[in-house]
């Protein structure tokens, strides 16, 4: 869901990524993809394990940012977390 800060950043030409939505979509996509492969081979299992570890690493990175900001909660969904990307205005 867009808020006034996201709208402002978008109007300035910046890109905004809602990290909660992004991480939840990744988790949901992996879950649905896993359900499609009932008879998993060793290769499938290795692929899914790799994706799960990648997803966990991304969550850990966001949690470390929250810790750095003094927010000690381990529940990211309690926060409205956005990533704003803009080009340097050298």
C-alpha atoms as a PDB file:
ATOM      1  CA  UNK A   1       0.000   0.000   0.000  1.00  0.00           C
ATOM      2  CA  UNK A   2       1.334   3.394  -0.949  1.00  0.00           C
ATOM      3  CA  UNK A   3       1.731   6.146   1.617  1.00  0.00           C
ATOM      4  CA  UNK A   4       2.466   9.855   1.303  1.00  0.00           C
ATOM      5  CA  UNK A   5       6.234   9.356   1.629  1.00  0.00           C
ATOM      6  CA  UNK A   6       6.279   6.691  -1.062  1.00  0.00           C
ATOM      7  CA  UNK A   7       4.190   8.925  -3.320  1.00  0.00           C
ATOM      8  CA  UNK A   8       6.545  11.854  -2.696  1.00  0.00           C
ATOM      9  CA  UNK A   9       9.620   9.754  -3.479  1.00  0.00           C
ATOM     10  CA  UNK A  10       7.984   8.417  -6.640  1.00  0.00           C
ATOM     11  CA  UNK A  11       7.133  11.948  -7.759  1.00  0.00           C
ATOM     12  CA  UNK A  12      10.794  12.882  -7.252  1.00  0.00           C
ATOM     13  CA  UNK A  13      11.684  10.089  -9.693  1.00  0.00           C
ATOM     14  CA  UNK A  14      12.961   7.637  -7.096  1.00  0.00           C
ATOM     15  CA  UNK A  15      12.168   3.942  -6.989  1.00  0.00           C
ATOM     16  CA  UNK A  16      10.433   2.568  -3.887  1.00  0.00           C
ATOM     17  CA  UNK A  17      10.272  -1.093  -2.897  1.00  0.00           C
ATOM     18  CA  UNK A  18       8.018  -2.286  -0.082  1.00  0.00           C
ATOM     19  CA  UNK A  19      10.295  -4.868   1.528  1.00  0.00           C
ATOM     20  CA  UNK A  20       7.516  -6.551   3.498  1.00  0.00           C
ATOM     21  CA  UNK A  21       5.500  -7.158   0.319  1.00  0.00           C
ATOM     22  CA  UNK A  22       8.598  -8.266  -1.583  1.00  0.00           C
ATOM     23  CA  UNK A  23       9.722 -10.776   1.045  1.00  0.00           C
ATOM     24  CA  UNK A  24       6.179 -12.110   1.562  1.00  0.00           C
ATOM     25  CA  UNK A  25       5.729 -12.592  -2.205  1.00  0.00           C
ATOM     26  CA  UNK A  26       9.008 -14.503  -2.391  1.00  0.00           C
ATOM     27  CA  UNK A  27       7.924 -16.736   0.467  1.00  0.00           C
ATOM     28  CA  UNK A  28       4.491 -17.342  -1.081  1.00  0.00           C
ATOM     29  CA  UNK A  29       5.938 -18.033  -4.537  1.00  0.00           C
ATOM     30  CA  UNK A  30       8.405 -20.560  -3.132  1.00  0.00           C
ATOM     31  CA  UNK A  31       5.647 -22.276  -1.145  1.00  0.00           C
ATOM     32  CA  UNK A  32       3.395 -22.603  -4.226  1.00  0.00           C
ATOM     33  CA  UNK A  33       6.299 -23.697  -6.394  1.00  0.00           C
ATOM     34  CA  UNK A  34       7.200 -26.398  -3.852  1.00  0.00           C
ATOM     35  CA  UNK A  35       3.616 -27.672  -3.880  1.00  0.00           C
ATOM     36  CA  UNK A  36       3.812 -28.231  -7.635  1.00  0.00           C
ATOM     37  CA  UNK A  37       6.708 -30.664  -7.181  1.00  0.00           C
ATOM     38  CA  UNK A  38       5.305 -33.500  -5.083  1.00  0.00           C
ATOM     39  CA  UNK A  39       7.984 -36.056  -5.985  1.00  0.00           C
ATOM     40  CA  UNK A  40      11.043 -33.962  -5.347  1.00  0.00           C
ATOM     41  CA  UNK A  41      14.377 -35.154  -6.621  1.00  0.00           C
ATOM     42  CA  UNK A  42      17.662 -34.414  -4.882  1.00  0.00           C
ATOM     43  CA  UNK A  43      18.210 -31.578  -7.372  1.00  0.00           C
ATOM     44  CA  UNK A  44      14.792 -30.093  -6.554  1.00  0.00           C
ATOM     45  CA  UNK A  45      15.502 -30.317  -2.849  1.00  0.00           C
ATOM     46  CA  UNK A  46      18.872 -28.599  -3.306  1.00  0.00           C
ATOM     47  CA  UNK A  47      17.199 -25.816  -5.333  1.00  0.00           C
ATOM     48  CA  UNK A  48      14.498 -25.223  -2.703  1.00  0.00           C
ATOM     49  CA  UNK A  49      17.013 -25.283   0.149  1.00  0.00           C
ATOM     50  CA  UNK A  50      19.121 -22.712  -1.692  1.00  0.00           C
ATOM     51  CA  UNK A  51      16.094 -20.449  -2.215  1.00  0.00           C
ATOM     52  CA  UNK A  52      15.054 -20.787   1.432  1.00  0.00           C
ATOM     53  CA  UNK A  53      18.563 -19.858   2.599  1.00  0.00           C
ATOM     54  CA  UNK A  54      18.607 -16.877   0.233  1.00  0.00           C
ATOM     55  CA  UNK A  55      15.231 -15.717   1.569  1.00  0.00           C
ATOM     56  CA  UNK A  56      16.387 -16.126   5.179  1.00  0.00           C
ATOM     57  CA  UNK A  57      19.555 -14.125   4.432  1.00  0.00           C
ATOM     58  CA  UNK A  58      17.453 -11.291   3.021  1.00  0.00           C
ATOM     59  CA  UNK A  59      15.261 -11.284   6.123  1.00  0.00           C
ATOM     60  CA  UNK A  60      18.343 -11.307   8.359  1.00  0.00           C
ATOM     61  CA  UNK A  61      19.755  -8.314   6.484  1.00  0.00           C
ATOM     62  CA  UNK A  62      16.557  -6.319   7.048  1.00  0.00           C
ATOM     63  CA  UNK A  63      16.529  -7.352  10.714  1.00  0.00           C
ATOM     64  CA  UNK A  64      20.136  -6.153  11.068  1.00  0.00           C
ATOM     65  CA  UNK A  65      19.076  -2.770   9.647  1.00  0.00           C
ATOM     66  CA  UNK A  66      16.256  -2.618  12.191  1.00  0.00           C
ATOM     67  CA  UNK A  67      18.719  -3.477  14.977  1.00  0.00           C
ATOM     68  CA  UNK A  68      21.046  -0.739  13.753  1.00  0.00           C
ATOM     69  CA  UNK A  69      18.149   1.729  13.972  1.00  0.00           C
ATOM     70  CA  UNK A  70      17.472   0.646  17.555  1.00  0.00           C
ATOM     71  CA  UNK A  71      14.352  -1.377  16.736  1.00  0.00           C
ATOM     72  CA  UNK A  72      14.912  -4.703  18.487  1.00  0.00           C
ATOM     73  CA  UNK A  73      11.694  -6.484  17.479  1.00  0.00           C
ATOM     74  CA  UNK A  74      12.211  -9.627  15.437  1.00  0.00           C
ATOM     75  CA  UNK A  75       8.809  -9.216  13.780  1.00  0.00           C
ATOM     76  CA  UNK A  76       9.392  -7.274  10.576  1.00  0.00           C
ATOM     77  CA  UNK A  77       5.675  -7.129   9.832  1.00  0.00           C
ATOM     78  CA  UNK A  78       5.348  -4.671  12.739  1.00  0.00           C
ATOM     79  CA  UNK A  79       7.184  -2.099  10.626  1.00  0.00           C
ATOM     80  CA  UNK A  80       6.464  -0.316   7.387  1.00  0.00           C
ATOM     81  CA  UNK A  81       9.780  -1.044   5.645  1.00  0.00           C
ATOM     82  CA  UNK A  82      10.490   0.653   2.334  1.00  0.00           C
ATOM     83  CA  UNK A  83      13.653   0.802   0.296  1.00  0.00           C
ATOM     84  CA  UNK A  84      14.090   4.074  -1.592  1.00  0.00           C
ATOM     85  CA  UNK A  85      16.577   4.082  -4.454  1.00  0.00           C
ATOM     86  CA  UNK A  86      17.678   7.244  -6.192  1.00  0.00           C
ATOM     87  CA  UNK A  87      20.496   8.133  -8.519  1.00  0.00           C
ATOM     88  CA  UNK A  88      23.352  10.258  -7.220  1.00  0.00           C
ATOM     89  CA  UNK A  89      22.897  13.886  -8.189  1.00  0.00           C
ATOM     90  CA  UNK A  90      26.619  14.521  -8.693  1.00  0.00           C
END
